[in-house]
Amino acid sequence: MLDTSTQDSDALTQVLLSLRLDCVEYDRRTLRAPWAMAFPAQANAQFYFAAHGDCWLKVGDSAWLEVKQGDAVLLPRGTSHIIASSADVQTAHIPAHLHLSFSELSHPAGGPAGESESTHMLFCARFRFSLDAGHPLLAMMADVLRVGEIARRDPNVPMLLEAMEREITSERVGACGIAARIADVLAATTIRAWAECARSETFGLIAALRSPVAGKALAAIHADLAREWTVEGLAKVSGSSRTALNDAFRDAVGETPVRYIARLRMFQASEWISVRGMRVSVAADRLGYESEASFSRAYKRIMGRPPSAARAQRQQERS
């Protein structure tokens, strides 16, 4: 008898292995109430840990969420948000073009103060994913993942949160750097726990991984995206016929394997070009295109803009 839980786990593991995240900026902020800051949407994921004092978070047009002391939140797609000492404080808007570092925003209201009920200490981090924001795995995530909720599903999370609190509230050398490494693990653990829970859903990529046929093909695709996959080859991997694979893939994913692979490759190419600064010709060659022109046509058809626009955006952001 097929162990579907093992199959789900193996397929999910392969998909998550294609997801990498790096902490690109972090800082510890000491804030004296009242304070509130609004951040526009950004390419990087955002992470907040409330080391001392409760605070409030509003993501997009959603309702306010309370972030209790010792808890953390992850905004996987960098959705626009407000972080505040309370929900009724006048907000200071941070323009997108300023690209201020966290350290430049450490004391926006009243300056630092001694530890008291009106003082808050936040650890803030930005993460860069190895996937484009339009990637199916990131696109289906909620705008905000609450780490405290994940703690009920993963016994490692409370220990990580306690370790982070000790580092953030200490004055030891290198505390913020160590906290950033803990945040790396916390973010990855949160995403894994979310994915494991989301497998109970009946739609989307996670549900597709539960399919006995499509799940195996998806795992193979994500494990080796650069491979020149054919429907016949994927059918062999999934132990099915070409017709059965196409039907199962359409039912589970909503499109054919060929179309899914094409989109996934362009999401990867977008990350290479716009984040890593890879030359368009190199991305085209790495993905097996015979010419840069044919790659550019495929990229524009799927992404809605030429790859040169992604490269130009990166140069503008770095200027």
Protein backbone atom coordinates (compact mmCIF):
# COMPACT_ATOMS: atom_id res chain seq x y z
CA MET A 1 0.00 0.00 0.00
CA LEU A 2 1.36 3.43 -0.96
CA ASP A 3 2.33 5.60 2.00
CA THR A 4 0.87 8.93 0.81
CA SER A 5 2.25 10.85 3.77
CA THR A 6 5.78 9.81 2.82
CA GLN A 7 5.10 10.67 -0.81
CA ASP A 8 3.78 14.11 0.16
CA SER A 9 6.79 14.71 2.37
CA ASP A 10 9.28 13.71 -0.33
CA ALA A 11 7.62 15.92 -2.96
CA LEU A 12 7.37 18.84 -0.55
CA THR A 13 11.03 18.42 0.40
CA GLN A 14 12.09 18.63 -3.24
CA VAL A 15 10.09 21.83 -3.77
CA LEU A 16 11.39 23.46 -0.59
CA LEU A 17 14.97 22.55 -1.52
CA SER A 18 14.61 24.95 -4.46
CA LEU A 19 13.86 27.74 -1.99
CA ARG A 20 16.82 29.59 -0.52
CA LEU A 21 16.76 32.77 1.53
CA ASP A 22 19.54 35.06 2.65
CA CYS A 23 19.41 37.81 5.25
CA VAL A 24 20.47 40.97 3.39
CA GLU A 25 19.95 43.50 6.18
CA TYR A 26 19.21 43.41 9.90
CA ASP A 27 19.19 45.67 12.91
CA ARG A 28 17.90 46.10 16.45
CA ARG A 29 15.71 49.14 17.13
CA THR A 30 14.96 50.72 20.48
CA LEU A 31 11.74 52.75 20.20
CA ARG A 32 9.85 54.89 22.69
CA ALA A 33 6.05 55.00 22.30
CA PRO A 34 4.20 56.41 20.55
CA TRP A 35 5.72 55.38 17.21
CA ALA A 36 4.51 54.06 13.86
CA MET A 37 6.21 53.51 10.52
CA ALA A 38 4.68 52.65 7.13
CA PHE A 39 6.74 50.81 4.55
CA PRO A 40 5.84 50.45 0.85
CA ALA A 41 5.86 47.10 -0.93
CA GLN A 42 9.36 45.80 -1.60
CA ALA A 43 11.04 42.91 -3.36
CA ASN A 44 12.52 41.41 -0.19
CA ALA A 45 10.74 39.50 2.56
CA GLN A 46 10.37 41.32 5.88
CA PHE A 47 10.83 39.83 9.36
CA TYR A 48 10.03 41.39 12.74
CA PHE A 49 10.71 40.03 16.23
CA ALA A 50 9.26 41.81 19.29
CA ALA A 51 12.07 41.45 21.83
CA HIS A 52 10.55 43.83 24.38
CA GLY A 53 7.01 45.21 24.43
CA ASP A 54 3.98 44.30 22.34
CA CYS A 55 3.43 46.03 18.99
CA TRP A 56 0.89 46.10 16.17
CA LEU A 57 1.17 45.23 12.49
CA LYS A 58 -1.12 46.13 9.60
CA VAL A 59 -0.35 44.40 6.31
CA GLY A 60 -1.89 45.87 3.17
CA ASP A 61 -5.61 46.48 3.69
CA SER A 62 -6.00 43.79 6.34
CA ALA A 63 -6.95 44.33 9.98
CA TRP A 64 -4.39 45.15 12.66
CA LEU A 65 -2.52 42.18 14.18
CA GLU A 66 -1.00 42.27 17.65
CA VAL A 67 2.57 40.97 17.86
CA LYS A 68 3.19 39.94 21.45
CA GLN A 69 6.57 40.23 23.15
CA GLY A 70 8.64 37.19 22.24
CA ASP A 71 6.78 36.58 18.98
CA ALA A 72 7.77 37.18 15.35
CA VAL A 73 6.12 37.69 11.95
CA LEU A 74 7.32 37.06 8.40
CA LEU A 75 6.05 38.94 5.34
CA PRO A 76 7.27 36.57 2.60
CA ARG A 77 6.50 38.88 -0.34
CA GLY A 78 7.41 42.21 1.30
CA THR A 79 3.82 43.47 1.18
CA SER A 80 3.26 47.12 2.15
CA HIS A 81 2.72 47.38 5.91
CA ILE A 82 2.65 49.52 9.04
CA ILE A 83 4.44 48.57 12.27
CA ALA A 84 3.41 50.58 15.34
CA SER A 85 3.31 50.77 19.13
CA SER A 86 -0.49 50.89 18.88
CA ALA A 87 -3.12 51.01 16.15
CA ASP A 88 -4.07 54.67 16.71
CA VAL A 89 -0.66 56.36 16.31
CA GLN A 90 -0.01 58.82 13.49
CA THR A 91 2.15 57.05 10.93
CA ALA A 92 5.47 58.21 9.51
CA HIS A 93 5.58 57.06 5.88
CA ILE A 94 8.93 55.84 4.55
CA PRO A 95 9.15 56.63 0.78
CA ALA A 96 10.19 53.69 -1.39
CA HIS A 97 12.93 55.64 -3.18
CA LEU A 98 14.85 56.41 0.04
CA HIS A 99 15.97 52.82 0.66
CA LEU A 100 16.88 53.75 4.23
CA SER A 101 18.72 51.21 6.29
CA PHE A 102 17.23 50.05 9.56
CA SER A 103 19.90 51.87 11.54
CA GLU A 104 18.77 55.19 10.02
CA LEU A 105 15.28 54.54 11.38
CA SER A 106 16.23 53.38 14.85
CA HIS A 107 14.66 56.20 16.86
CA PRO A 108 11.82 57.75 14.83
CA ALA A 109 9.72 59.00 17.75
CA GLY A 110 11.18 60.40 20.92
CA GLY A 111 14.60 58.76 20.80
CA PRO A 112 15.93 55.93 22.96
CA ALA A 113 14.79 55.55 26.54
CA GLY A 114 15.41 53.32 29.49
CA GLU A 115 13.56 50.01 29.59
CA SER A 116 9.94 50.64 30.59
CA GLU A 117 6.41 49.85 29.52
CA SER A 118 6.61 52.58 26.83
CA THR A 119 9.87 51.28 25.38
CA HIS A 120 9.93 48.71 22.61
CA MET A 121 12.82 46.71 21.23
CA LEU A 122 12.43 45.26 17.73
CA PHE A 123 14.70 43.04 15.71
CA CYS A 124 14.11 43.71 12.01
CA ALA A 125 15.48 41.80 9.04
CA ARG A 126 15.08 41.69 5.29
CA PHE A 127 15.44 38.41 3.41
CA ARG A 128 16.10 37.81 -0.26
CA PHE A 129 14.56 34.64 -1.66
CA SER A 130 16.22 32.66 -4.43
CA LEU A 131 12.88 32.73 -6.25
CA ASP A 132 11.02 35.48 -8.07
CA ALA A 133 8.04 36.87 -6.15
CA GLY A 134 5.73 35.40 -8.80
CA HIS A 135 6.98 31.86 -8.17
CA PRO A 136 4.05 29.51 -7.40
CA LEU A 137 5.38 28.70 -3.92
CA LEU A 138 5.69 32.35 -2.87
CA ALA A 139 2.58 33.52 -4.70
CA MET A 140 0.31 31.20 -2.71
CA MET A 141 1.63 32.21 0.72
CA ALA A 142 -0.33 34.52 2.96
CA ASP A 143 0.82 38.15 3.12
CA VAL A 144 1.97 37.54 6.71
CA LEU A 145 2.99 34.34 8.51
CA ARG A 146 2.78 34.52 12.30
CA VAL A 147 5.59 32.56 13.91
CA GLY A 148 3.69 32.22 17.19
CA GLU A 149 1.01 30.20 15.44
CA ILE A 150 3.67 27.99 13.87
CA ALA A 151 5.09 27.30 17.34
CA ARG A 152 2.08 25.15 18.12
CA ARG A 153 3.03 22.84 15.24
CA ASP A 154 6.82 22.73 15.58
CA PRO A 155 8.52 22.15 18.96
CA ASN A 156 11.74 23.77 17.70
CA VAL A 157 10.17 27.20 17.22
CA PRO A 158 9.71 28.17 20.92
CA MET A 159 13.37 27.35 21.59
CA LEU A 160 14.47 29.46 18.62
CA LEU A 161 12.31 32.37 19.77
CA GLU A 162 13.75 32.16 23.30
CA ALA A 163 17.30 32.06 21.91
CA MET A 164 16.58 35.11 19.75
CA GLU A 165 15.13 37.04 22.69
CA ARG A 166 18.25 36.32 24.76
CA GLU A 167 20.53 37.58 21.99
CA ILE A 168 18.51 40.70 21.15
CA THR A 169 18.17 41.86 24.76
CA SER A 170 21.80 41.18 25.59
CA GLU A 171 24.66 43.62 25.10
CA ARG A 172 27.13 40.96 24.03
CA VAL A 173 29.40 41.52 21.05
CA GLY A 174 27.90 40.22 17.82
CA ALA A 175 24.43 39.68 19.29
CA CYS A 176 22.64 41.09 16.24
CA GLY A 177 24.67 38.94 13.86
CA ILE A 178 23.82 35.79 15.81
CA ALA A 179 20.16 36.85 15.95
CA ALA A 180 20.22 37.20 12.15
CA ARG A 181 21.35 33.60 11.81
CA ILE A 182 18.56 32.50 14.16
CA ALA A 183 16.13 34.54 12.07
CA ASP A 184 17.32 32.62 8.98
CA VAL A 185 16.37 29.35 10.65
CA LEU A 186 13.11 30.75 12.03
CA ALA A 187 12.02 31.99 8.61
CA ALA A 188 12.83 28.66 6.95
CA THR A 189 11.12 26.72 9.75
CA THR A 190 8.03 28.94 9.50
CA ILE A 191 7.75 28.34 5.76
CA ARG A 192 8.20 24.58 6.20
CA ALA A 193 5.52 24.43 8.90
CA TRP A 194 3.19 26.52 6.73
CA ALA A 195 3.73 24.19 3.78
CA GLU A 196 3.13 21.07 5.87
CA CYS A 197 -0.10 22.55 7.19
CA ALA A 198 -1.13 23.80 3.75
CA ARG A 199 -0.99 20.27 2.37
CA SER A 200 -4.45 19.79 3.82
CA GLU A 201 -5.76 22.40 1.37
CA THR A 202 -7.49 21.22 -1.79
CA PHE A 203 -6.02 23.76 -4.20
CA GLY A 204 -2.71 25.27 -5.26
CA LEU A 205 0.81 23.91 -5.52
CA ILE A 206 0.78 22.16 -2.14
CA ALA A 207 -2.42 20.29 -3.02
CA ALA A 208 -0.83 19.31 -6.35
CA LEU A 209 2.03 17.65 -4.47
CA ARG A 210 -0.52 15.26 -2.95
CA SER A 211 -1.40 13.92 -6.38
CA PRO A 212 0.15 10.45 -6.82
CA VAL A 213 1.04 11.29 -10.44
CA ALA A 214 1.51 15.07 -10.59
CA GLY A 215 3.32 15.19 -7.24
CA LYS A 216 6.20 13.02 -8.44
CA ALA A 217 6.54 15.04 -11.63
CA LEU A 218 6.52 18.32 -9.69
CA ALA A 219 9.20 17.07 -7.32
CA ALA A 220 11.40 16.06 -10.26
CA ILE A 221 10.93 19.43 -12.00
CA HIS A 222 11.84 21.44 -8.92
CA ALA A 223 14.82 19.20 -8.16
CA ASP A 224 16.36 19.81 -11.61
CA LEU A 225 14.77 22.80 -13.33
CA ALA A 226 17.59 23.17 -15.90
CA ARG A 227 17.02 19.67 -17.26
CA GLU A 228 15.37 19.45 -20.68
CA TRP A 229 12.21 17.81 -19.40
CA THR A 230 9.74 16.22 -21.80
CA VAL A 231 6.25 14.95 -21.06
CA GLU A 232 7.49 11.46 -21.84
CA GLY A 233 10.35 11.79 -19.37
CA LEU A 234 8.10 13.13 -16.63
CA ALA A 235 5.57 10.38 -17.29
CA LYS A 236 8.33 7.84 -16.74
CA VAL A 237 9.31 9.51 -13.46
CA SER A 238 5.71 9.50 -12.25
CA GLY A 239 5.07 5.93 -13.41
CA SER A 240 2.21 6.88 -15.70
CA SER A 241 1.33 7.40 -19.35
CA ARG A 242 1.73 10.77 -21.07
CA THR A 243 -2.04 11.19 -21.25
CA ALA A 244 -2.48 10.34 -17.56
CA LEU A 245 0.28 12.77 -16.58
CA ASN A 246 -1.15 15.63 -18.65
CA ASP A 247 -4.62 15.04 -17.22
CA ALA A 248 -3.36 14.80 -13.62
CA PHE A 249 -1.19 17.89 -14.04
CA ARG A 250 -4.06 19.95 -15.45
CA ASP A 251 -6.36 18.83 -12.64
CA ALA A 252 -3.80 19.55 -9.91
CA VAL A 253 -1.90 22.57 -11.23
CA GLY A 254 -4.29 24.06 -13.76
CA GLU A 255 -1.94 23.87 -16.74
CA THR A 256 0.20 21.39 -18.68
CA PRO A 257 3.68 20.32 -17.49
CA VAL A 258 5.24 22.12 -20.48
CA ARG A 259 3.56 25.42 -19.61
CA TYR A 260 4.39 25.07 -15.91
CA ILE A 261 8.07 24.43 -16.62
CA ALA A 262 8.24 27.40 -18.99
CA ARG A 263 6.77 29.74 -16.36
CA LEU A 264 8.98 28.35 -13.60
CA ARG A 265 12.12 28.84 -15.69
CA MET A 266 11.24 32.45 -16.40
CA PHE A 267 10.60 33.12 -12.71
CA GLN A 268 14.06 31.71 -12.05
CA ALA A 269 15.56 33.78 -14.86
CA SER A 270 13.92 36.89 -13.44
CA GLU A 271 15.61 36.29 -10.09
CA TRP A 272 18.97 35.68 -11.78
CA ILE A 273 18.76 38.88 -13.82
CA SER A 274 17.05 41.34 -11.47
CA VAL A 275 18.59 40.19 -8.17
CA ARG A 276 21.91 38.54 -8.98
CA GLY A 277 22.72 40.75 -11.95
CA MET A 278 23.23 37.86 -14.37
CA ARG A 279 23.61 38.82 -18.02
CA VAL A 280 20.62 37.96 -20.20
CA SER A 281 22.79 35.88 -22.53
CA VAL A 282 24.08 33.81 -19.60
CA ALA A 283 20.56 33.17 -18.30
CA ALA A 284 19.46 32.13 -21.78
CA ASP A 285 22.37 29.71 -22.11
CA ARG A 286 21.85 28.27 -18.63
CA LEU A 287 18.21 27.50 -19.42
CA GLY A 288 19.10 25.81 -22.69
CA TYR A 289 17.93 28.41 -25.22
CA GLU A 290 19.69 28.41 -28.57
CA SER A 291 19.82 32.20 -28.74
CA GLU A 292 19.32 35.24 -26.55
CA ALA A 293 16.60 36.44 -28.92
CA SER A 294 14.49 33.30 -28.52
CA PHE A 295 14.90 33.46 -24.75
CA SER A 296 13.91 37.16 -24.71
CA ARG A 297 10.74 36.42 -26.72
CA ALA A 298 9.76 33.62 -24.32
CA TYR A 299 10.55 35.78 -21.30
CA LYS A 300 8.42 38.69 -22.54
CA ARG A 301 5.52 36.37 -23.42
CA ILE A 302 5.43 34.91 -19.91
CA MET A 303 6.62 37.79 -17.71
CA GLY A 304 4.97 40.62 -19.66
CA ARG A 305 8.19 42.60 -20.15
CA PRO A 306 11.58 41.97 -21.78
CA PRO A 307 14.46 40.70 -19.64
CA SER A 308 16.30 43.97 -20.28
CA ALA A 309 13.61 45.71 -18.19
CA ALA A 310 14.40 43.45 -15.21
CA ARG A 311 18.09 44.25 -15.58
CA ALA A 312 17.37 47.98 -15.88
CA GLN A 313 15.26 47.82 -12.71
CA ARG A 314 18.15 46.27 -10.81
CA GLN A 315 20.54 48.99 -12.00
CA GLN A 316 18.05 51.68 -10.98
CA GLU A 317 17.64 50.16 -7.49
CA ARG A 318 21.42 50.05 -7.01
CA SER A 319 21.93 53.68 -8.14
